[in-house]
């Protein structure tokens, strides 16, 4: 049970980081289109994290016998997503000027972030989302197999 609580806490921490990074991007006035796409990618990751939180709270999906294994499977994916979100923010920070608390403007001078760098960040975010999905699917596999077995037995008994 402790492992599961740790995973739920980590999901919440990563979700907060993703939301903070997304809010940072959305508060940059004059940002390029590629940076907007990063915000959308973070929104997709946020949805995956919400789905994961829902699954982890659903005792019929993640029964007690698999929660510890689930935690071992999901924790690395969550850590990677937290790092990717932080990387997006730290990569963009040199390209913005602060205009006050929570308000930023894209720097017009001194070049900008390259399309290649944006693609790299998008790739990292996509990889994280995929890792979360695979980890969640792996965690659900035993419960899904059990449900299918029960359904098959019920059909055979008819």
N, C-alpha and C. Protein backbone atom coordinates (compact mmCIF):
# COMPACT_ATOMS: atom_id res chain seq x y z
N UNK A 1 0.82 -1.20 0.00
CA UNK A 1 0.00 0.00 0.00
C UNK A 1 0.87 1.26 0.00
N UNK A 2 1.97 1.23 0.72
CA UNK A 2 2.86 2.38 0.77
C UNK A 2 3.37 2.75 -0.61
N UNK A 3 3.73 1.72 -1.42
CA UNK A 3 4.22 1.98 -2.77
C UNK A 3 3.18 2.72 -3.60
N UNK A 4 1.91 2.31 -3.46
CA UNK A 4 0.85 2.92 -4.24
C UNK A 4 0.65 4.37 -3.82
N UNK A 5 0.65 4.63 -2.54
CA UNK A 5 0.51 6.01 -2.07
C UNK A 5 1.66 6.83 -2.63
N UNK A 6 2.87 6.26 -2.65
CA UNK A 6 4.02 6.96 -3.22
C UNK A 6 3.82 7.27 -4.68
N UNK A 7 3.22 6.34 -5.42
CA UNK A 7 2.97 6.57 -6.85
C UNK A 7 1.92 7.66 -7.02
N UNK A 8 0.86 7.63 -6.24
CA UNK A 8 -0.18 8.67 -6.34
C UNK A 8 0.43 10.03 -6.01
N UNK A 9 1.26 10.08 -4.98
CA UNK A 9 1.94 11.34 -4.64
C UNK A 9 2.82 11.81 -5.79
N UNK A 10 3.56 10.87 -6.39
CA UNK A 10 4.44 11.22 -7.50
C UNK A 10 3.63 11.68 -8.72
N UNK A 11 2.50 11.03 -8.98
CA UNK A 11 1.62 11.47 -10.07
C UNK A 11 1.19 12.91 -9.82
N UNK A 12 0.84 13.22 -8.59
CA UNK A 12 0.42 14.59 -8.25
C UNK A 12 1.57 15.59 -8.41
N UNK A 13 2.77 15.21 -7.99
CA UNK A 13 3.94 16.09 -8.13
C UNK A 13 4.24 16.35 -9.60
N UNK A 14 4.23 15.28 -10.40
CA UNK A 14 4.52 15.43 -11.83
C UNK A 14 3.43 16.25 -12.50
N UNK A 15 2.18 16.01 -12.13
CA UNK A 15 1.07 16.78 -12.70
C UNK A 15 1.25 18.26 -12.38
N UNK A 16 1.62 18.57 -11.14
CA UNK A 16 1.87 19.98 -10.77
C UNK A 16 2.97 20.59 -11.62
N UNK A 17 4.06 19.84 -11.86
CA UNK A 17 5.17 20.35 -12.66
C UNK A 17 4.74 20.57 -14.10
N UNK A 18 3.99 19.63 -14.65
CA UNK A 18 3.49 19.76 -16.02
C UNK A 18 2.58 20.99 -16.14
N UNK A 19 1.69 21.16 -15.17
CA UNK A 19 0.78 22.31 -15.19
C UNK A 19 1.55 23.62 -15.06
N UNK A 20 2.57 23.64 -14.19
CA UNK A 20 3.38 24.85 -14.02
C UNK A 20 4.11 25.21 -15.31
N UNK A 21 4.68 24.21 -15.96
CA UNK A 21 5.39 24.45 -17.22
C UNK A 21 4.43 24.91 -18.30
N UNK A 22 3.27 24.29 -18.37
CA UNK A 22 2.25 24.67 -19.36
C UNK A 22 1.79 26.10 -19.12
N UNK A 23 1.57 26.45 -17.86
CA UNK A 23 1.14 27.81 -17.50
C UNK A 23 2.25 28.81 -17.86
N UNK A 24 3.50 28.44 -17.59
CA UNK A 24 4.64 29.30 -17.95
C UNK A 24 4.60 29.59 -19.46
N UNK A 25 4.45 28.54 -20.27
CA UNK A 25 4.41 28.73 -21.73
C UNK A 25 3.23 29.61 -22.13
N UNK A 26 2.07 29.33 -21.59
CA UNK A 26 0.87 30.07 -21.97
C UNK A 26 0.92 31.54 -21.55
N UNK A 27 1.80 31.85 -20.59
CA UNK A 27 1.95 33.23 -20.13
C UNK A 27 3.07 33.98 -20.83
N UNK A 28 3.62 33.38 -21.90
CA UNK A 28 4.67 34.06 -22.68
C UNK A 28 4.01 34.80 -23.85
N UNK A 29 4.03 36.11 -23.77
CA UNK A 29 3.46 36.93 -24.84
C UNK A 29 4.38 36.88 -26.06
N UNK A 30 3.82 36.70 -27.24
CA UNK A 30 4.59 36.71 -28.48
C UNK A 30 5.39 35.44 -28.74
N UNK A 31 5.02 34.35 -28.09
CA UNK A 31 5.75 33.10 -28.27
C UNK A 31 5.55 32.53 -29.67
N UNK A 32 6.55 31.84 -30.20
CA UNK A 32 6.42 31.24 -31.53
C UNK A 32 5.45 30.05 -31.52
N UNK A 33 4.98 29.70 -32.69
CA UNK A 33 4.02 28.61 -32.84
C UNK A 33 4.56 27.29 -32.28
N UNK A 34 5.85 27.02 -32.51
CA UNK A 34 6.45 25.79 -32.00
C UNK A 34 6.36 25.67 -30.49
N UNK A 35 6.48 26.80 -29.82
CA UNK A 35 6.37 26.82 -28.36
C UNK A 35 4.93 26.55 -27.95
N UNK A 36 3.97 27.07 -28.71
CA UNK A 36 2.56 26.75 -28.47
C UNK A 36 2.32 25.25 -28.56
N UNK A 37 2.97 24.61 -29.52
CA UNK A 37 2.82 23.16 -29.68
C UNK A 37 3.33 22.42 -28.45
N UNK A 38 4.37 22.93 -27.83
CA UNK A 38 4.87 22.31 -26.60
C UNK A 38 3.81 22.37 -25.50
N UNK A 39 3.09 23.49 -25.44
CA UNK A 39 2.01 23.62 -24.47
C UNK A 39 0.94 22.56 -24.71
N UNK A 40 0.60 22.34 -25.98
CA UNK A 40 -0.37 21.29 -26.32
C UNK A 40 0.13 19.91 -25.94
N UNK A 41 1.41 19.66 -26.17
CA UNK A 41 2.00 18.37 -25.80
C UNK A 41 1.96 18.17 -24.29
N UNK A 42 2.22 19.24 -23.54
CA UNK A 42 2.13 19.16 -22.09
C UNK A 42 0.69 18.90 -21.65
N UNK A 43 -0.26 19.49 -22.37
CA UNK A 43 -1.68 19.22 -22.08
C UNK A 43 -2.03 17.76 -22.30
N UNK A 44 -1.48 17.16 -23.34
CA UNK A 44 -1.69 15.73 -23.58
C UNK A 44 -1.10 14.90 -22.45
N UNK A 45 0.09 15.28 -21.99
CA UNK A 45 0.71 14.56 -20.88
C UNK A 45 -0.11 14.72 -19.61
N UNK A 46 -0.64 15.90 -19.41
CA UNK A 46 -1.48 16.17 -18.24
C UNK A 46 -2.71 15.25 -18.25
N UNK A 47 -3.29 15.06 -19.43
CA UNK A 47 -4.44 14.16 -19.55
C UNK A 47 -4.04 12.72 -19.22
N UNK A 48 -2.89 12.30 -19.72
CA UNK A 48 -2.41 10.94 -19.41
C UNK A 48 -2.18 10.76 -17.91
N UNK A 49 -1.64 11.79 -17.28
CA UNK A 49 -1.43 11.73 -15.83
C UNK A 49 -2.76 11.66 -15.09
N UNK A 50 -3.75 12.41 -15.57
CA UNK A 50 -5.09 12.34 -14.97
C UNK A 50 -5.70 10.96 -15.11
N UNK A 51 -5.53 10.36 -16.28
CA UNK A 51 -6.02 8.99 -16.50
C UNK A 51 -5.32 8.01 -15.56
N UNK A 52 -4.02 8.20 -15.39
CA UNK A 52 -3.25 7.34 -14.51
C UNK A 52 -3.71 7.49 -13.06
N UNK A 53 -3.98 8.72 -12.65
CA UNK A 53 -4.48 8.95 -11.29
C UNK A 53 -5.82 8.26 -11.09
N UNK A 54 -6.69 8.37 -12.09
CA UNK A 54 -8.00 7.71 -12.01
C UNK A 54 -7.84 6.20 -11.89
N UNK A 55 -6.95 5.63 -12.71
CA UNK A 55 -6.72 4.18 -12.65
C UNK A 55 -6.16 3.77 -11.30
N UNK A 56 -5.23 4.54 -10.76
CA UNK A 56 -4.60 4.16 -9.49
C UNK A 56 -5.59 4.24 -8.33
N UNK A 57 -6.60 5.07 -8.46
CA UNK A 57 -7.61 5.19 -7.42
C UNK A 57 -8.73 4.15 -7.57
N UNK A 58 -8.74 3.45 -8.70
CA UNK A 58 -9.78 2.48 -8.98
C UNK A 58 -9.33 1.11 -8.50
N UNK A 59 -9.82 0.71 -7.34
CA UNK A 59 -9.35 -0.54 -6.74
C UNK A 59 -9.71 -1.77 -7.57
N UNK A 60 -10.74 -1.69 -8.40
CA UNK A 60 -11.07 -2.85 -9.23
C UNK A 60 -10.08 -3.01 -10.38
N UNK A 61 -9.42 -1.92 -10.77
CA UNK A 61 -8.43 -2.00 -11.84
C UNK A 61 -7.07 -2.38 -11.29
N UNK A 62 -6.67 -1.73 -10.22
CA UNK A 62 -5.36 -2.01 -9.62
C UNK A 62 -5.59 -2.68 -8.28
N UNK A 63 -5.80 -4.00 -8.30
CA UNK A 63 -6.05 -4.69 -7.04
C UNK A 63 -4.78 -4.70 -6.19
N UNK A 64 -4.94 -4.99 -4.92
CA UNK A 64 -3.84 -4.88 -3.97
C UNK A 64 -2.65 -5.76 -4.33
N UNK A 65 -2.89 -6.89 -4.96
CA UNK A 65 -1.79 -7.81 -5.27
C UNK A 65 -0.85 -7.27 -6.34
N UNK A 66 -1.29 -6.32 -7.15
CA UNK A 66 -0.42 -5.81 -8.20
C UNK A 66 0.06 -4.38 -7.95
N UNK A 67 -0.39 -3.75 -6.89
CA UNK A 67 -0.04 -2.34 -6.67
C UNK A 67 1.46 -2.13 -6.50
N UNK A 68 2.15 -3.02 -5.81
CA UNK A 68 3.58 -2.86 -5.61
C UNK A 68 4.33 -2.97 -6.94
N UNK A 69 3.97 -3.94 -7.76
CA UNK A 69 4.59 -4.09 -9.09
C UNK A 69 4.25 -2.89 -9.98
N UNK A 70 3.03 -2.42 -9.86
CA UNK A 70 2.60 -1.25 -10.63
C UNK A 70 3.49 -0.05 -10.29
N UNK A 71 3.74 0.13 -9.01
CA UNK A 71 4.58 1.25 -8.58
C UNK A 71 5.98 1.15 -9.20
N UNK A 72 6.54 -0.05 -9.22
CA UNK A 72 7.87 -0.24 -9.79
C UNK A 72 7.88 0.04 -11.29
N UNK A 73 6.77 -0.23 -11.96
CA UNK A 73 6.68 -0.02 -13.40
C UNK A 73 6.49 1.45 -13.74
N UNK A 74 5.69 2.12 -12.96
CA UNK A 74 5.28 3.49 -13.30
C UNK A 74 6.25 4.55 -12.80
N UNK A 75 6.89 4.29 -11.69
CA UNK A 75 7.78 5.30 -11.09
C UNK A 75 8.83 5.84 -12.08
N UNK A 76 9.55 4.98 -12.84
CA UNK A 76 10.54 5.52 -13.79
C UNK A 76 9.91 6.40 -14.87
N UNK A 77 8.73 6.02 -15.34
CA UNK A 77 8.04 6.83 -16.36
C UNK A 77 7.66 8.19 -15.78
N UNK A 78 7.20 8.21 -14.55
CA UNK A 78 6.83 9.48 -13.91
C UNK A 78 8.06 10.37 -13.71
N UNK A 79 9.15 9.77 -13.26
CA UNK A 79 10.38 10.54 -13.07
C UNK A 79 10.85 11.15 -14.38
N UNK A 80 10.78 10.37 -15.46
CA UNK A 80 11.20 10.87 -16.77
C UNK A 80 10.32 12.02 -17.23
N UNK A 81 9.02 11.93 -16.96
CA UNK A 81 8.10 12.99 -17.37
C UNK A 81 8.34 14.27 -16.58
N UNK A 82 8.65 14.12 -15.31
CA UNK A 82 8.95 15.29 -14.50
C UNK A 82 10.22 15.98 -15.02
N UNK A 83 11.22 15.19 -15.36
CA UNK A 83 12.46 15.74 -15.89
C UNK A 83 12.24 16.40 -17.25
N UNK A 84 11.44 15.79 -18.11
CA UNK A 84 11.17 16.36 -19.43
C UNK A 84 10.44 17.70 -19.31
N UNK A 85 9.50 17.78 -18.40
CA UNK A 85 8.76 19.02 -18.20
C UNK A 85 9.70 20.12 -17.69
N UNK A 86 10.56 19.77 -16.76
CA UNK A 86 11.53 20.73 -16.25
C UNK A 86 12.50 21.17 -17.35
N UNK A 87 12.86 20.24 -18.23
CA UNK A 87 13.77 20.54 -19.35
C UNK A 87 13.13 21.54 -20.30
N UNK A 88 11.83 21.39 -20.56
CA UNK A 88 11.13 22.34 -21.44
C UNK A 88 11.24 23.74 -20.85
N UNK A 89 10.94 23.85 -19.58
CA UNK A 89 10.96 25.17 -18.94
C UNK A 89 12.37 25.77 -18.93
N UNK A 90 13.35 24.96 -18.56
CA UNK A 90 14.72 25.49 -18.49
C UNK A 90 15.27 25.84 -19.88
N UNK A 91 14.82 25.13 -20.90
CA UNK A 91 15.26 25.42 -22.26
C UNK A 91 14.65 26.72 -22.77
N UNK A 92 13.42 26.98 -22.42
CA UNK A 92 12.73 28.18 -22.90
C UNK A 92 13.11 29.45 -22.12
N UNK A 93 13.49 29.28 -20.86
CA UNK A 93 13.73 30.43 -19.98
C UNK A 93 14.69 31.47 -20.57
N UNK A 94 15.80 31.07 -21.22
CA UNK A 94 16.70 32.10 -21.76
C UNK A 94 16.09 32.92 -22.90
N UNK A 95 14.98 32.48 -23.45
CA UNK A 95 14.37 33.16 -24.59
C UNK A 95 13.23 34.10 -24.19
N UNK A 96 13.03 34.28 -22.87
CA UNK A 96 11.94 35.14 -22.42
C UNK A 96 12.45 36.21 -21.47
N UNK A 97 11.72 37.30 -21.43
CA UNK A 97 11.94 38.36 -20.45
C UNK A 97 10.77 38.34 -19.49
N UNK A 98 11.06 38.53 -18.21
CA UNK A 98 10.01 38.61 -17.22
C UNK A 98 9.36 39.99 -17.28
N UNK A 99 8.04 40.00 -17.22
CA UNK A 99 7.29 41.26 -17.21
C UNK A 99 6.51 41.41 -15.91
N UNK A 100 6.91 40.68 -14.91
CA UNK A 100 6.21 40.69 -13.64
C UNK A 100 5.88 39.26 -13.24
N UNK A 101 5.28 39.09 -12.08
CA UNK A 101 4.97 37.75 -11.59
C UNK A 101 4.08 36.97 -12.58
N UNK A 102 4.60 35.89 -13.09
CA UNK A 102 3.83 35.03 -13.98
C UNK A 102 3.58 35.57 -15.37
N UNK A 103 4.25 36.65 -15.73
CA UNK A 103 4.07 37.25 -17.06
C UNK A 103 5.42 37.35 -17.75
N UNK A 104 5.44 36.90 -19.01
CA UNK A 104 6.69 36.86 -19.76
C UNK A 104 6.46 37.34 -21.19
N UNK A 105 7.56 37.73 -21.82
CA UNK A 105 7.51 38.12 -23.24
C UNK A 105 8.65 37.41 -23.96
N UNK A 106 8.36 36.92 -25.16
CA UNK A 106 9.37 36.28 -25.97
C UNK A 106 10.37 37.32 -26.43
N UNK A 107 11.67 37.03 -26.28
CA UNK A 107 12.71 37.96 -26.73
C UNK A 107 12.75 37.98 -28.25
N UNK A 108 12.73 39.16 -28.80
CA UNK A 108 12.75 39.31 -30.26
C UNK A 108 14.17 39.35 -30.81
N UNK A 109 15.12 39.76 -29.98
CA UNK A 109 16.50 39.90 -30.44
C UNK A 109 17.34 38.70 -29.98
N UNK A 110 18.45 38.51 -30.64
CA UNK A 110 19.38 37.48 -30.22
C UNK A 110 19.01 36.09 -30.70
N UNK A 111 18.27 36.01 -31.79
CA UNK A 111 17.88 34.69 -32.30
C UNK A 111 16.72 34.14 -31.52
N UNK A 112 16.53 32.89 -31.63
CA UNK A 112 15.43 32.24 -30.93
C UNK A 112 15.73 30.76 -30.82
N UNK A 113 14.80 30.08 -30.30
CA UNK A 113 14.95 28.64 -30.16
C UNK A 113 14.80 27.99 -31.54
N UNK A 114 15.63 27.03 -31.82
CA UNK A 114 15.60 26.41 -33.15
C UNK A 114 14.44 25.42 -33.26
N UNK A 115 13.98 25.23 -34.47
CA UNK A 115 12.94 24.24 -34.72
C UNK A 115 13.41 22.85 -34.30
N UNK A 116 14.70 22.58 -34.49
CA UNK A 116 15.27 21.29 -34.11
C UNK A 116 15.15 21.09 -32.60
N UNK A 117 15.42 22.12 -31.82
CA UNK A 117 15.34 22.01 -30.36
C UNK A 117 13.89 21.78 -29.93
N UNK A 118 12.96 22.47 -30.58
CA UNK A 118 11.54 22.26 -30.26
C UNK A 118 11.15 20.82 -30.58
N UNK A 119 11.61 20.30 -31.72
CA UNK A 119 11.30 18.91 -32.07
C UNK A 119 11.89 17.93 -31.05
N UNK A 120 13.09 18.23 -30.57
CA UNK A 120 13.70 17.38 -29.53
C UNK A 120 12.85 17.37 -28.26
N UNK A 121 12.41 18.56 -27.85
CA UNK A 121 11.57 18.64 -26.66
C UNK A 121 10.24 17.92 -26.87
N UNK A 122 9.65 18.10 -28.06
CA UNK A 122 8.41 17.40 -28.37
C UNK A 122 8.60 15.89 -28.34
N UNK A 123 9.75 15.44 -28.84
CA UNK A 123 10.05 14.01 -28.82
C UNK A 123 10.15 13.49 -27.40
N UNK A 124 10.78 14.26 -26.52
CA UNK A 124 10.89 13.85 -25.12
C UNK A 124 9.51 13.78 -24.46
N UNK A 125 8.67 14.77 -24.74
CA UNK A 125 7.32 14.76 -24.16
C UNK A 125 6.49 13.60 -24.71
N UNK A 126 6.61 13.33 -26.00
CA UNK A 126 5.88 12.21 -26.60
C UNK A 126 6.36 10.89 -26.02
N UNK A 127 7.65 10.77 -25.81
CA UNK A 127 8.21 9.56 -25.21
C UNK A 127 7.67 9.36 -23.80
N UNK A 128 7.58 10.44 -23.05
CA UNK A 128 7.03 10.35 -21.69
C UNK A 128 5.58 9.91 -21.71
N UNK A 129 4.80 10.51 -22.59
CA UNK A 129 3.38 10.14 -22.68
C UNK A 129 3.26 8.67 -23.06
N UNK A 130 4.07 8.22 -24.00
CA UNK A 130 4.05 6.81 -24.39
C UNK A 130 4.45 5.90 -23.25
N UNK A 131 5.47 6.30 -22.49
CA UNK A 131 5.91 5.50 -21.34
C UNK A 131 4.82 5.40 -20.29
N UNK A 132 4.13 6.52 -20.06
CA UNK A 132 3.02 6.50 -19.09
C UNK A 132 1.92 5.56 -19.56
N UNK A 133 1.59 5.62 -20.83
CA UNK A 133 0.53 4.75 -21.37
C UNK A 133 0.92 3.29 -21.26
N UNK A 134 2.18 2.98 -21.63
CA UNK A 134 2.63 1.59 -21.56
C UNK A 134 2.66 1.10 -20.12
N UNK A 135 3.12 1.93 -19.20
CA UNK A 135 3.17 1.53 -17.80
C UNK A 135 1.77 1.29 -17.25
N UNK A 136 0.84 2.18 -17.60
CA UNK A 136 -0.54 2.02 -17.14
C UNK A 136 -1.16 0.76 -17.74
N UNK A 137 -0.90 0.50 -19.01
CA UNK A 137 -1.42 -0.71 -19.65
C UNK A 137 -0.84 -1.96 -19.00
N UNK A 138 0.46 -1.94 -18.70
CA UNK A 138 1.10 -3.07 -18.05
C UNK A 138 0.51 -3.30 -16.66
N UNK A 139 0.24 -2.20 -15.97
CA UNK A 139 -0.34 -2.32 -14.63
C UNK A 139 -1.74 -2.89 -14.68
N UNK A 140 -2.46 -2.56 -15.74
CA UNK A 140 -3.84 -3.04 -15.86
C UNK A 140 -3.94 -4.44 -16.43
N UNK A 141 -2.87 -4.94 -17.03
CA UNK A 141 -2.94 -6.24 -17.70
C UNK A 141 -3.43 -7.36 -16.80
N UNK A 142 -2.90 -7.54 -15.57
CA UNK A 142 -3.41 -8.63 -14.73
C UNK A 142 -4.90 -8.49 -14.41
N UNK A 143 -5.34 -7.28 -14.12
CA UNK A 143 -6.75 -7.06 -13.81
C UNK A 143 -7.61 -7.33 -15.04
N UNK A 144 -7.14 -6.90 -16.21
CA UNK A 144 -7.89 -7.12 -17.44
C UNK A 144 -7.98 -8.60 -17.77
N UNK A 145 -6.87 -9.33 -17.58
CA UNK A 145 -6.89 -10.77 -17.82
C UNK A 145 -7.85 -11.47 -16.87
N UNK A 146 -7.85 -11.05 -15.62
CA UNK A 146 -8.76 -11.64 -14.64
C UNK A 146 -10.21 -11.38 -15.04
N UNK A 147 -10.51 -10.18 -15.47
CA UNK A 147 -11.88 -9.84 -15.90
C UNK A 147 -12.28 -10.67 -17.11
N UNK A 148 -11.35 -10.85 -18.07
CA UNK A 148 -11.65 -11.66 -19.25
C UNK A 148 -11.87 -13.11 -18.87
N UNK A 149 -11.07 -13.61 -17.94
CA UNK A 149 -11.23 -15.00 -17.49
C UNK A 149 -12.58 -15.20 -16.82
N UNK A 150 -12.99 -14.26 -16.00
CA UNK A 150 -14.29 -14.35 -15.33
C UNK A 150 -15.42 -14.32 -16.35
N UNK A 151 -15.27 -13.48 -17.36
CA UNK A 151 -16.28 -13.38 -18.42
C UNK A 151 -16.36 -14.69 -19.20
N UNK A 152 -15.24 -15.29 -19.50
CA UNK A 152 -15.20 -16.55 -20.23
C UNK A 152 -15.85 -17.65 -19.41
N UNK A 153 -15.52 -17.72 -18.13
CA UNK A 153 -16.13 -18.73 -17.25
C UNK A 153 -17.64 -18.54 -17.18
N UNK A 154 -18.09 -17.30 -17.08
CA UNK A 154 -19.53 -17.04 -17.02
C UNK A 154 -20.21 -17.48 -18.30
N UNK A 155 -19.57 -17.26 -19.45
CA UNK A 155 -20.16 -17.67 -20.73
C UNK A 155 -20.19 -19.19 -20.84
N UNK A 156 -19.18 -19.85 -20.34
CA UNK A 156 -19.13 -21.33 -20.39
C UNK A 156 -20.18 -21.96 -19.48
N UNK A 157 -20.54 -21.27 -18.43
CA UNK A 157 -21.52 -21.80 -17.47
C UNK A 157 -22.94 -21.65 -17.96
N UNK A 158 -23.14 -20.90 -19.03
CA UNK A 158 -24.50 -20.69 -19.57
C UNK A 158 -24.99 -21.90 -20.28
